[in-house]
């Protein structure tokens, strides 16, 4: 059987089939289309301005490692004029986060980018290991998600950056759309599908991988031989997101475009004006000053529950 030839260059042997399009590509053409699509997402959506200081959310996993590599590559290739930093959050999970942060430290040297690590213990006085001891394995991801988001913002403020980029990919966003629909939380769809989010009181965030499939990120990391950490979080097997992920993978196996279809469906939802008028108004937490639609932000409410020994009341 004759080897398949790359459909783009028509010269080199194809070594992979793109999950997103089904195209048979050689390695170099895959690199080109992968990086070009991300560049176009950045330019088309005006994610950055020349001179911006940009923090890359770095966990050591495949998504953030590829993001750091691609952001540095594109910044130099297209002369964006950005000053890049790595920003990591140490949740305090022994045997998982401590190991992945060693990968981030190697990435710092490999990409020659400054690194700041902020920890839950430093910011909140609790590690995730201590929180799980207190609350068990059922609702621990709620605490971690709320704390991590605020920790990234606090770390970005320490770095005095203008922008945060995260490695959320198309699969992640489609999963979030499914979760919000299943929970009846339609109001969040517009925000969760936005490539860039901005409020008056927080540092802008964007997702350059919004249209990038997870499988292609893995393939890029593999062929580029990037250094990343691949172990799953110790506490994530019981996470609600895991069930949405399995469902999405089943859909993708039948219809590869399902991931982007779900994202576009989320984008198409619109709230009636009378519904918008009843939604909570965003202000600031009375205690820590973080953005909140209540007197206390979710982080402070969860911390109150932990510090009073009643974390389940805080969850409610």
C-alpha atoms as a PDB file:
ATOM      1  CA  UNK A   1       0.000   0.000   0.000  1.00  0.00           C
ATOM      2  CA  UNK A   2       1.482   3.334  -1.115  1.00  0.00           C
ATOM      3  CA  UNK A   3       2.137   5.877   1.656  1.00  0.00           C
ATOM      4  CA  UNK A   4      -0.298   8.790   1.819  1.00  0.00           C
ATOM      5  CA  UNK A   5       1.031  12.176   0.771  1.00  0.00           C
ATOM      6  CA  UNK A   6       0.380  15.396   2.704  1.00  0.00           C
ATOM      7  CA  UNK A   7      -2.667  17.167   1.232  1.00  0.00           C
ATOM      8  CA  UNK A   8      -1.112  20.615   1.741  1.00  0.00           C
ATOM      9  CA  UNK A   9       2.443  20.374   0.417  1.00  0.00           C
ATOM     10  CA  UNK A  10       1.787  17.342  -1.871  1.00  0.00           C
ATOM     11  CA  UNK A  11       5.430  16.368  -1.344  1.00  0.00           C
ATOM     12  CA  UNK A  12       6.071  14.885   2.100  1.00  0.00           C
ATOM     13  CA  UNK A  13       4.634  11.702   3.522  1.00  0.00           C
ATOM     14  CA  UNK A  14       1.586  12.241   5.763  1.00  0.00           C
ATOM     15  CA  UNK A  15       2.243  11.166   9.356  1.00  0.00           C
ATOM     16  CA  UNK A  16      -1.072  12.125  10.977  1.00  0.00           C
ATOM     17  CA  UNK A  17      -4.761  12.721  10.368  1.00  0.00           C
ATOM     18  CA  UNK A  18      -6.130  15.922  11.889  1.00  0.00           C
ATOM     19  CA  UNK A  19      -8.984  15.076  14.292  1.00  0.00           C
ATOM     20  CA  UNK A  20     -10.548  18.453  13.542  1.00  0.00           C
ATOM     21  CA  UNK A  21     -10.677  18.236   9.734  1.00  0.00           C
ATOM     22  CA  UNK A  22      -9.644  14.705   8.775  1.00  0.00           C
ATOM     23  CA  UNK A  23      -6.788  16.070   6.623  1.00  0.00           C
ATOM     24  CA  UNK A  24      -3.742  13.833   6.125  1.00  0.00           C
ATOM     25  CA  UNK A  25      -0.695  16.012   6.907  1.00  0.00           C
ATOM     26  CA  UNK A  26       3.053  15.811   7.190  1.00  0.00           C
ATOM     27  CA  UNK A  27       4.635  16.989  10.416  1.00  0.00           C
ATOM     28  CA  UNK A  28       5.768  20.431   9.224  1.00  0.00           C
ATOM     29  CA  UNK A  29       2.429  21.265   7.589  1.00  0.00           C
ATOM     30  CA  UNK A  30       0.636  20.242  10.785  1.00  0.00           C
ATOM     31  CA  UNK A  31       2.847  22.620  12.793  1.00  0.00           C
ATOM     32  CA  UNK A  32       2.079  25.393  10.311  1.00  0.00           C
ATOM     33  CA  UNK A  33      -1.724  25.016  10.315  1.00  0.00           C
ATOM     34  CA  UNK A  34      -1.832  24.499  14.092  1.00  0.00           C
ATOM     35  CA  UNK A  35       0.169  27.644  14.838  1.00  0.00           C
ATOM     36  CA  UNK A  36      -1.488  29.699  12.097  1.00  0.00           C
ATOM     37  CA  UNK A  37      -4.999  28.950  13.392  1.00  0.00           C
ATOM     38  CA  UNK A  38      -3.990  30.155  16.870  1.00  0.00           C
ATOM     39  CA  UNK A  39      -2.334  33.261  15.395  1.00  0.00           C
ATOM     40  CA  UNK A  40      -5.532  34.030  13.459  1.00  0.00           C
ATOM     41  CA  UNK A  41      -7.639  33.587  16.620  1.00  0.00           C
ATOM     42  CA  UNK A  42      -5.362  36.086  18.413  1.00  0.00           C
ATOM     43  CA  UNK A  43      -5.385  38.651  15.584  1.00  0.00           C
ATOM     44  CA  UNK A  44      -9.055  38.313  14.564  1.00  0.00           C
ATOM     45  CA  UNK A  45     -10.186  38.846  18.164  1.00  0.00           C
ATOM     46  CA  UNK A  46      -7.657  41.611  19.005  1.00  0.00           C
ATOM     47  CA  UNK A  47      -6.596  39.766  22.129  1.00  0.00           C
ATOM     48  CA  UNK A  48      -3.483  41.863  22.812  1.00  0.00           C
ATOM     49  CA  UNK A  49      -2.012  45.298  22.257  1.00  0.00           C
ATOM     50  CA  UNK A  50       1.640  45.912  21.531  1.00  0.00           C
ATOM     51  CA  UNK A  51       3.584  46.348  24.758  1.00  0.00           C
ATOM     52  CA  UNK A  52       1.149  44.271  26.856  1.00  0.00           C
ATOM     53  CA  UNK A  53       2.521  42.262  29.752  1.00  0.00           C
ATOM     54  CA  UNK A  54       0.896  38.831  29.501  1.00  0.00           C
ATOM     55  CA  UNK A  55       0.797  36.112  32.172  1.00  0.00           C
ATOM     56  CA  UNK A  56       0.504  32.546  30.868  1.00  0.00           C
ATOM     57  CA  UNK A  57      -1.380  30.316  33.313  1.00  0.00           C
ATOM     58  CA  UNK A  58       1.116  27.457  33.671  1.00  0.00           C
ATOM     59  CA  UNK A  59       0.239  24.164  35.362  1.00  0.00           C
ATOM     60  CA  UNK A  60       2.881  21.969  33.720  1.00  0.00           C
ATOM     61  CA  UNK A  61       0.189  20.034  31.825  1.00  0.00           C
ATOM     62  CA  UNK A  62       0.008  19.615  28.044  1.00  0.00           C
ATOM     63  CA  UNK A  63      -2.323  22.579  27.397  1.00  0.00           C
ATOM     64  CA  UNK A  64      -0.373  25.201  29.325  1.00  0.00           C
ATOM     65  CA  UNK A  65       3.001  23.864  28.133  1.00  0.00           C
ATOM     66  CA  UNK A  66       1.919  24.014  24.484  1.00  0.00           C
ATOM     67  CA  UNK A  67       0.404  27.466  25.141  1.00  0.00           C
ATOM     68  CA  UNK A  68       3.703  28.762  26.545  1.00  0.00           C
ATOM     69  CA  UNK A  69       5.627  27.314  23.590  1.00  0.00           C
ATOM     70  CA  UNK A  70       3.203  28.680  20.980  1.00  0.00           C
ATOM     71  CA  UNK A  71       2.852  32.126  22.617  1.00  0.00           C
ATOM     72  CA  UNK A  72       6.645  32.539  22.679  1.00  0.00           C
ATOM     73  CA  UNK A  73       6.927  31.264  19.082  1.00  0.00           C
ATOM     74  CA  UNK A  74       4.177  33.530  17.707  1.00  0.00           C
ATOM     75  CA  UNK A  75       5.323  36.548  19.718  1.00  0.00           C
ATOM     76  CA  UNK A  76       8.747  36.271  18.074  1.00  0.00           C
ATOM     77  CA  UNK A  77       7.519  35.255  14.599  1.00  0.00           C
ATOM     78  CA  UNK A  78       4.868  37.969  14.228  1.00  0.00           C
ATOM     79  CA  UNK A  79       6.476  40.570  16.485  1.00  0.00           C
ATOM     80  CA  UNK A  80       3.471  41.030  18.788  1.00  0.00           C
ATOM     81  CA  UNK A  81       5.671  43.033  21.128  1.00  0.00           C
ATOM     82  CA  UNK A  82       4.447  41.216  24.263  1.00  0.00           C
ATOM     83  CA  UNK A  83       6.296  40.698  27.528  1.00  0.00           C
ATOM     84  CA  UNK A  84       5.509  37.141  28.615  1.00  0.00           C
ATOM     85  CA  UNK A  85       5.481  35.616  32.117  1.00  0.00           C
ATOM     86  CA  UNK A  86       4.638  32.191  33.511  1.00  0.00           C
ATOM     87  CA  UNK A  87       2.145  32.223  36.408  1.00  0.00           C
ATOM     88  CA  UNK A  88       1.471  29.046  38.389  1.00  0.00           C
ATOM     89  CA  UNK A  89      -0.878  28.187  41.234  1.00  0.00           C
ATOM     90  CA  UNK A  90       0.226  25.668  43.858  1.00  0.00           C
ATOM     91  CA  UNK A  91      -2.976  24.185  45.259  1.00  0.00           C
ATOM     92  CA  UNK A  92      -1.054  22.089  47.761  1.00  0.00           C
ATOM     93  CA  UNK A  93      -1.668  18.550  46.473  1.00  0.00           C
ATOM     94  CA  UNK A  94       1.212  16.286  47.449  1.00  0.00           C
ATOM     95  CA  UNK A  95       2.332  13.865  44.771  1.00  0.00           C
ATOM     96  CA  UNK A  96       0.569  15.845  42.039  1.00  0.00           C
ATOM     97  CA  UNK A  97       1.007  19.609  42.029  1.00  0.00           C
ATOM     98  CA  UNK A  98       4.471  19.546  43.588  1.00  0.00           C
ATOM     99  CA  UNK A  99       5.604  17.232  40.762  1.00  0.00           C
ATOM    100  CA  UNK A 100       3.905  19.247  37.997  1.00  0.00           C
ATOM    101  CA  UNK A 101       5.493  22.471  39.271  1.00  0.00           C
ATOM    102  CA  UNK A 102       8.911  20.897  38.661  1.00  0.00           C
ATOM    103  CA  UNK A 103       7.878  20.701  34.989  1.00  0.00           C
ATOM    104  CA  UNK A 104       6.895  24.391  35.067  1.00  0.00           C
ATOM    105  CA  UNK A 105      10.302  25.263  36.505  1.00  0.00           C
ATOM    106  CA  UNK A 106      11.963  23.392  33.624  1.00  0.00           C
ATOM    107  CA  UNK A 107       9.684  25.246  31.167  1.00  0.00           C
ATOM    108  CA  UNK A 108      10.878  28.501  32.703  1.00  0.00           C
ATOM    109  CA  UNK A 109      14.456  27.603  31.719  1.00  0.00           C
ATOM    110  CA  UNK A 110      13.496  26.115  28.336  1.00  0.00           C
ATOM    111  CA  UNK A 111      11.502  29.168  27.224  1.00  0.00           C
ATOM    112  CA  UNK A 112      13.516  31.747  29.183  1.00  0.00           C
ATOM    113  CA  UNK A 113      10.400  33.273  30.767  1.00  0.00           C
ATOM    114  CA  UNK A 114      10.041  34.718  34.304  1.00  0.00           C
ATOM    115  CA  UNK A 115       7.960  32.546  36.669  1.00  0.00           C
ATOM    116  CA  UNK A 116       5.781  33.416  39.670  1.00  0.00           C
ATOM    117  CA  UNK A 117       4.195  30.689  41.823  1.00  0.00           C
ATOM    118  CA  UNK A 118       1.365  31.600  44.225  1.00  0.00           C
ATOM    119  CA  UNK A 119      -0.072  29.056  46.658  1.00  0.00           C
ATOM    120  CA  UNK A 120      -3.413  28.414  48.345  1.00  0.00           C
ATOM    121  CA  UNK A 121      -1.581  28.174  51.656  1.00  0.00           C
ATOM    122  CA  UNK A 122      -0.025  31.611  51.119  1.00  0.00           C
ATOM    123  CA  UNK A 123      -3.283  33.228  49.959  1.00  0.00           C
ATOM    124  CA  UNK A 124      -5.946  31.387  51.976  1.00  0.00           C
ATOM    125  CA  UNK A 125      -4.161  29.570  54.800  1.00  0.00           C
ATOM    126  CA  UNK A 126      -5.348  26.183  53.480  1.00  0.00           C
ATOM    127  CA  UNK A 127      -3.915  23.599  51.099  1.00  0.00           C
ATOM    128  CA  UNK A 128      -6.166  21.382  48.961  1.00  0.00           C
ATOM    129  CA  UNK A 129      -4.966  18.346  50.927  1.00  0.00           C
ATOM    130  CA  UNK A 130      -6.228  20.024  54.123  1.00  0.00           C
ATOM    131  CA  UNK A 131      -9.505  21.051  52.451  1.00  0.00           C
ATOM    132  CA  UNK A 132     -10.166  17.480  51.262  1.00  0.00           C
ATOM    133  CA  UNK A 133      -9.513  16.235  54.796  1.00  0.00           C
ATOM    134  CA  UNK A 134     -12.212  18.623  55.959  1.00  0.00           C
ATOM    135  CA  UNK A 135     -14.853  18.284  53.201  1.00  0.00           C
ATOM    136  CA  UNK A 136     -14.155  14.854  51.676  1.00  0.00           C
ATOM    137  CA  UNK A 137     -13.973  14.011  47.976  1.00  0.00           C
ATOM    138  CA  UNK A 138     -17.497  14.960  46.925  1.00  0.00           C
ATOM    139  CA  UNK A 139     -17.359  18.771  46.635  1.00  0.00           C
ATOM    140  CA  UNK A 140     -13.627  19.442  46.742  1.00  0.00           C
ATOM    141  CA  UNK A 141     -13.473  20.611  43.088  1.00  0.00           C
ATOM    142  CA  UNK A 142     -15.861  23.474  43.941  1.00  0.00           C
ATOM    143  CA  UNK A 143     -13.335  24.867  46.430  1.00  0.00           C
ATOM    144  CA  UNK A 144     -10.410  24.356  44.053  1.00  0.00           C
ATOM    145  CA  UNK A 145     -12.121  26.008  41.076  1.00  0.00           C
ATOM    146  CA  UNK A 146     -13.175  29.098  43.032  1.00  0.00           C
ATOM    147  CA  UNK A 147      -9.812  29.504  44.766  1.00  0.00           C
ATOM    148  CA  UNK A 148      -7.752  28.890  41.619  1.00  0.00           C
ATOM    149  CA  UNK A 149      -9.565  31.539  39.608  1.00  0.00           C
ATOM    150  CA  UNK A 150      -8.994  34.156  42.291  1.00  0.00           C
ATOM    151  CA  UNK A 151      -5.393  33.001  42.848  1.00  0.00           C
ATOM    152  CA  UNK A 152      -4.607  33.578  39.157  1.00  0.00           C
ATOM    153  CA  UNK A 153      -5.992  37.108  39.389  1.00  0.00           C
ATOM    154  CA  UNK A 154      -4.005  37.810  42.553  1.00  0.00           C
ATOM    155  CA  UNK A 155      -0.815  36.431  41.010  1.00  0.00           C
ATOM    156  CA  UNK A 156      -1.390  38.530  37.886  1.00  0.00           C
ATOM    157  CA  UNK A 157      -1.820  41.616  40.075  1.00  0.00           C
ATOM    158  CA  UNK A 158       1.513  40.838  41.778  1.00  0.00           C
ATOM    159  CA  UNK A 159       3.170  40.646  38.350  1.00  0.00           C
ATOM    160  CA  UNK A 160       1.367  43.857  37.285  1.00  0.00           C
ATOM    161  CA  UNK A 161       0.388  42.308  33.954  1.00  0.00           C
ATOM    162  CA  UNK A 162      -2.223  43.587  31.504  1.00  0.00           C
ATOM    163  CA  UNK A 163      -3.605  40.227  30.466  1.00  0.00           C
ATOM    164  CA  UNK A 164      -3.896  36.556  31.462  1.00  0.00           C
ATOM    165  CA  UNK A 165      -3.998  33.705  28.923  1.00  0.00           C
ATOM    166  CA  UNK A 166      -5.071  30.189  29.855  1.00  0.00           C
ATOM    167  CA  UNK A 167      -4.813  26.870  28.015  1.00  0.00           C
ATOM    168  CA  UNK A 168      -8.553  26.176  27.907  1.00  0.00           C
ATOM    169  CA  UNK A 169      -9.160  24.364  24.623  1.00  0.00           C
ATOM    170  CA  UNK A 170     -12.244  23.698  22.481  1.00  0.00           C
ATOM    171  CA  UNK A 171     -13.004  20.466  24.383  1.00  0.00           C
ATOM    172  CA  UNK A 172     -12.896  22.301  27.736  1.00  0.00           C
ATOM    173  CA  UNK A 173     -15.268  25.002  26.512  1.00  0.00           C
ATOM    174  CA  UNK A 174     -17.712  22.485  24.986  1.00  0.00           C
ATOM    175  CA  UNK A 175     -17.711  20.565  28.297  1.00  0.00           C
ATOM    176  CA  UNK A 176     -18.494  23.792  30.183  1.00  0.00           C
ATOM    177  CA  UNK A 177     -21.381  24.552  27.800  1.00  0.00           C
ATOM    178  CA  UNK A 178     -22.823  21.074  28.427  1.00  0.00           C
ATOM    179  CA  UNK A 179     -22.428  21.438  32.206  1.00  0.00           C
ATOM    180  CA  UNK A 180     -24.132  24.837  32.251  1.00  0.00           C
ATOM    181  CA  UNK A 181     -27.028  23.576  30.141  1.00  0.00           C
ATOM    182  CA  UNK A 182     -27.461  20.478  32.341  1.00  0.00           C
ATOM    183  CA  UNK A 183     -27.466  22.713  35.442  1.00  0.00           C
ATOM    184  CA  UNK A 184     -29.879  25.166  33.813  1.00  0.00           C
ATOM    185  CA  UNK A 185     -27.304  27.924  34.147  1.00  0.00           C
ATOM    186  CA  UNK A 186     -27.954  29.499  30.750  1.00  0.00           C
ATOM    187  CA  UNK A 187     -26.782  32.923  31.950  1.00  0.00           C
ATOM    188  CA  UNK A 188     -23.178  31.671  32.014  1.00  0.00           C
ATOM    189  CA  UNK A 189     -23.130  30.468  28.398  1.00  0.00           C
ATOM    190  CA  UNK A 190     -22.119  33.796  26.883  1.00  0.00           C
ATOM    191  CA  UNK A 191     -19.241  34.208  29.321  1.00  0.00           C
ATOM    192  CA  UNK A 192     -17.975  30.630  29.110  1.00  0.00           C
ATOM    193  CA  UNK A 193     -17.873  30.689  25.291  1.00  0.00           C
ATOM    194  CA  UNK A 194     -16.209  34.113  25.015  1.00  0.00           C
ATOM    195  CA  UNK A 195     -12.608  33.998  23.789  1.00  0.00           C
ATOM    196  CA  UNK A 196     -11.901  37.077  25.923  1.00  0.00           C
ATOM    197  CA  UNK A 197     -13.540  38.061  29.194  1.00  0.00           C
ATOM    198  CA  UNK A 198     -13.284  41.509  30.689  1.00  0.00           C
ATOM    199  CA  UNK A 199     -14.827  43.245  33.679  1.00  0.00           C
ATOM    200  CA  UNK A 200     -14.067  46.659  35.138  1.00  0.00           C
ATOM    201  CA  UNK A 201     -12.436  45.191  38.239  1.00  0.00           C
ATOM    202  CA  UNK A 202     -10.367  42.285  36.936  1.00  0.00           C
ATOM    203  CA  UNK A 203      -7.494  41.665  34.564  1.00  0.00           C
ATOM    204  CA  UNK A 204      -8.669  40.593  31.066  1.00  0.00           C
ATOM    205  CA  UNK A 205      -8.431  36.869  30.330  1.00  0.00           C
ATOM    206  CA  UNK A 206      -8.379  35.111  27.021  1.00  0.00           C
ATOM    207  CA  UNK A 207      -8.324  31.583  25.604  1.00  0.00           C
ATOM    208  CA  UNK A 208      -6.191  31.451  22.422  1.00  0.00           C
ATOM    209  CA  UNK A 209      -7.009  27.712  22.157  1.00  0.00           C
ATOM    210  CA  UNK A 210     -10.778  28.328  21.978  1.00  0.00           C
ATOM    211  CA  UNK A 211     -11.033  26.594  18.584  1.00  0.00           C
ATOM    212  CA  UNK A 212      -8.166  24.117  19.135  1.00  0.00           C
ATOM    213  CA  UNK A 213      -8.999  20.447  19.725  1.00  0.00           C
ATOM    214  CA  UNK A 214      -7.399  18.709  22.698  1.00  0.00           C
ATOM    215  CA  UNK A 215      -6.241  15.805  20.515  1.00  0.00           C
ATOM    216  CA  UNK A 216      -4.304  18.195  18.285  1.00  0.00           C
ATOM    217  CA  UNK A 217      -2.652  19.824  21.309  1.00  0.00           C
ATOM    218  CA  UNK A 218      -1.510  16.355  22.410  1.00  0.00           C
ATOM    219  CA  UNK A 219      -0.209  15.587  18.899  1.00  0.00           C
ATOM    220  CA  UNK A 220       1.643  18.905  18.734  1.00  0.00           C
ATOM    221  CA  UNK A 221       3.267  18.309  22.135  1.00  0.00           C
ATOM    222  CA  UNK A 222       4.225  14.756  21.106  1.00  0.00           C
ATOM    223  CA  UNK A 223       5.789  15.645  17.745  1.00  0.00           C
ATOM    224  CA  UNK A 224       7.543  18.730  19.173  1.00  0.00           C
ATOM    225  CA  UNK A 225       8.801  16.606  22.092  1.00  0.00           C
ATOM    226  CA  UNK A 226       7.664  19.215  24.606  1.00  0.00           C
ATOM    227  CA  UNK A 227       8.295  18.654  28.305  1.00  0.00           C
ATOM    228  CA  UNK A 228       4.952  18.360  30.124  1.00  0.00           C
ATOM    229  CA  UNK A 229       3.346  16.578  33.090  1.00  0.00           C
ATOM    230  CA  UNK A 230       0.566  14.129  32.208  1.00  0.00           C
ATOM    231  CA  UNK A 231      -0.722  12.708  35.507  1.00  0.00           C
ATOM    232  CA  UNK A 232      -4.380  13.428  36.347  1.00  0.00           C
ATOM    233  CA  UNK A 233      -5.222  15.327  39.535  1.00  0.00           C
ATOM    234  CA  UNK A 234      -5.562  13.012  42.523  1.00  0.00           C
ATOM    235  CA  UNK A 235      -8.931  14.502  43.445  1.00  0.00           C
ATOM    236  CA  UNK A 236     -10.533  14.859  39.994  1.00  0.00           C
ATOM    237  CA  UNK A 237     -12.055  11.383  39.290  1.00  0.00           C
ATOM    238  CA  UNK A 238     -15.290  12.343  41.078  1.00  0.00           C
ATOM    239  CA  UNK A 239     -15.576  15.747  39.372  1.00  0.00           C
ATOM    240  CA  UNK A 240     -18.847  16.545  37.584  1.00  0.00           C
ATOM    241  CA  UNK A 241     -16.824  17.694  34.563  1.00  0.00           C
ATOM    242  CA  UNK A 242     -15.559  14.148  34.065  1.00  0.00           C
ATOM    243  CA  UNK A 243     -19.047  12.936  33.135  1.00  0.00           C
ATOM    244  CA  UNK A 244     -19.478  15.766  30.618  1.00  0.00           C
ATOM    245  CA  UNK A 245     -16.057  14.857  29.168  1.00  0.00           C
ATOM    246  CA  UNK A 246     -17.008  11.202  28.626  1.00  0.00           C
ATOM    247  CA  UNK A 247     -20.272  12.249  26.947  1.00  0.00           C
ATOM    248  CA  UNK A 248     -18.419  14.718  24.701  1.00  0.00           C
ATOM    249  CA  UNK A 249     -15.853  12.080  23.649  1.00  0.00           C
ATOM    250  CA  UNK A 250     -18.694   9.740  22.679  1.00  0.00           C
ATOM    251  CA  UNK A 251     -20.251  12.495  20.562  1.00  0.00           C
ATOM    252  CA  UNK A 252     -16.908  13.335  18.954  1.00  0.00           C
ATOM    253  CA  UNK A 253     -16.316   9.707  17.945  1.00  0.00           C
ATOM    254  CA  UNK A 254     -19.560   9.823  15.943  1.00  0.00           C
ATOM    255  CA  UNK A 255     -19.294  13.422  14.710  1.00  0.00           C
ATOM    256  CA  UNK A 256     -15.879  15.155  14.991  1.00  0.00           C
ATOM    257  CA  UNK A 257     -17.464  18.587  14.501  1.00  0.00           C
ATOM    258  CA  UNK A 258     -19.592  18.093  17.651  1.00  0.00           C
ATOM    259  CA  UNK A 259     -17.083  20.040  19.779  1.00  0.00           C
ATOM    260  CA  UNK A 260     -17.260  23.211  17.693  1.00  0.00           C
ATOM    261  CA  UNK A 261     -21.017  22.710  17.132  1.00  0.00           C
ATOM    262  CA  UNK A 262     -21.609  22.792  20.899  1.00  0.00           C
ATOM    263  CA  UNK A 263     -19.459  25.927  21.294  1.00  0.00           C
ATOM    264  CA  UNK A 264     -21.399  27.695  18.515  1.00  0.00           C
ATOM    265  CA  UNK A 265     -24.674  26.603  20.142  1.00  0.00           C
ATOM    266  CA  UNK A 266     -23.570  28.179  23.421  1.00  0.00           C
ATOM    267  CA  UNK A 267     -22.626  31.387  21.588  1.00  0.00           C
ATOM    268  CA  UNK A 268     -26.051  31.515  19.933  1.00  0.00           C
ATOM    269  CA  UNK A 269     -28.015  31.544  23.214  1.00  0.00           C
ATOM    270  CA  UNK A 270     -29.328  34.975  24.136  1.00  0.00           C
ATOM    271  CA  UNK A 271     -31.151  36.056  27.276  1.00  0.00           C
ATOM    272  CA  UNK A 272     -34.296  38.137  26.965  1.00  0.00           C
ATOM    273  CA  UNK A 273     -33.919  41.666  28.312  1.00  0.00           C
ATOM    274  CA  UNK A 274     -36.416  41.037  31.117  1.00  0.00           C
ATOM    275  CA  UNK A 275     -34.285  38.076  32.258  1.00  0.00           C
ATOM    276  CA  UNK A 276     -31.077  40.127  32.114  1.00  0.00           C
ATOM    277  CA  UNK A 277     -32.657  42.826  34.269  1.00  0.00           C
ATOM    278  CA  UNK A 278     -33.265  40.283  37.056  1.00  0.00           C
ATOM    279  CA  UNK A 279     -29.689  38.994  37.110  1.00  0.00           C
ATOM    280  CA  UNK A 280     -27.434  39.965  40.050  1.00  0.00           C
ATOM    281  CA  UNK A 281     -25.383  43.145  39.600  1.00  0.00           C
ATOM    282  CA  UNK A 282     -21.643  42.662  39.872  1.00  0.00           C
ATOM    283  CA  UNK A 283     -19.871  44.677  42.556  1.00  0.00           C
ATOM    284  CA  UNK A 284     -16.989  43.964  44.929  1.00  0.00           C
ATOM    285  CA  UNK A 285     -16.595  41.719  47.956  1.00  0.00           C
ATOM    286  CA  UNK A 286     -16.861  43.727  51.179  1.00  0.00           C
ATOM    287  CA  UNK A 287     -14.009  41.749  52.711  1.00  0.00           C
ATOM    288  CA  UNK A 288     -11.348  41.137  50.055  1.00  0.00           C
ATOM    289  CA  UNK A 289     -12.441  43.500  47.269  1.00  0.00           C
ATOM    290  CA  UNK A 290     -12.687  40.748  44.643  1.00  0.00           C
ATOM    291  CA  UNK A 291     -15.521  40.932  42.053  1.00  0.00           C
ATOM    292  CA  UNK A 292     -18.757  39.491  43.422  1.00  0.00           C
ATOM    293  CA  UNK A 293     -22.520  39.675  42.961  1.00  0.00           C
ATOM    294  CA  UNK A 294     -23.030  39.286  46.737  1.00  0.00           C
ATOM    295  CA  UNK A 295     -21.699  41.081  49.815  1.00  0.00           C
ATOM    296  CA  UNK A 296     -19.051  38.361  50.138  1.00  0.00           C
ATOM    297  CA  UNK A 297     -17.415  36.673  47.140  1.00  0.00           C
ATOM    298  CA  UNK A 298     -17.662  32.889  46.793  1.00  0.00           C
ATOM    299  CA  UNK A 299     -14.056  32.486  47.925  1.00  0.00           C
ATOM    300  CA  UNK A 300     -14.649  34.336  51.204  1.00  0.00           C
ATOM    301  CA  UNK A 301     -17.869  32.383  51.804  1.00  0.00           C
ATOM    302  CA  UNK A 302     -16.045  29.079  51.331  1.00  0.00           C
ATOM    303  CA  UNK A 303     -13.204  30.224  53.572  1.00  0.00           C
ATOM    304  CA  UNK A 304     -15.711  31.214  56.272  1.00  0.00           C
ATOM    305  CA  UNK A 305     -17.129  27.708  56.182  1.00  0.00           C
ATOM    306  CA  UNK A 306     -13.690  26.126  56.392  1.00  0.00           C
ATOM    307  CA  UNK A 307     -12.468  28.377  59.206  1.00  0.00           C
ATOM    308  CA  UNK A 308     -15.666  27.840  61.223  1.00  0.00           C
ATOM    309  CA  UNK A 309     -15.519  24.087  60.666  1.00  0.00           C
ATOM    310  CA  UNK A 310     -18.768  24.101  58.669  1.00  0.00           C
ATOM    311  CA  UNK A 311     -17.650  23.872  55.000  1.00  0.00           C
ATOM    312  CA  UNK A 312     -20.860  22.138  53.831  1.00  0.00           C
ATOM    313  CA  UNK A 313     -22.960  25.121  54.984  1.00  0.00           C
ATOM    314  CA  UNK A 314     -20.719  27.390  52.878  1.00  0.00           C
ATOM    315  CA  UNK A 315     -21.313  25.138  49.865  1.00  0.00           C
ATOM    316  CA  UNK A 316     -25.054  25.444  50.312  1.00  0.00           C
END
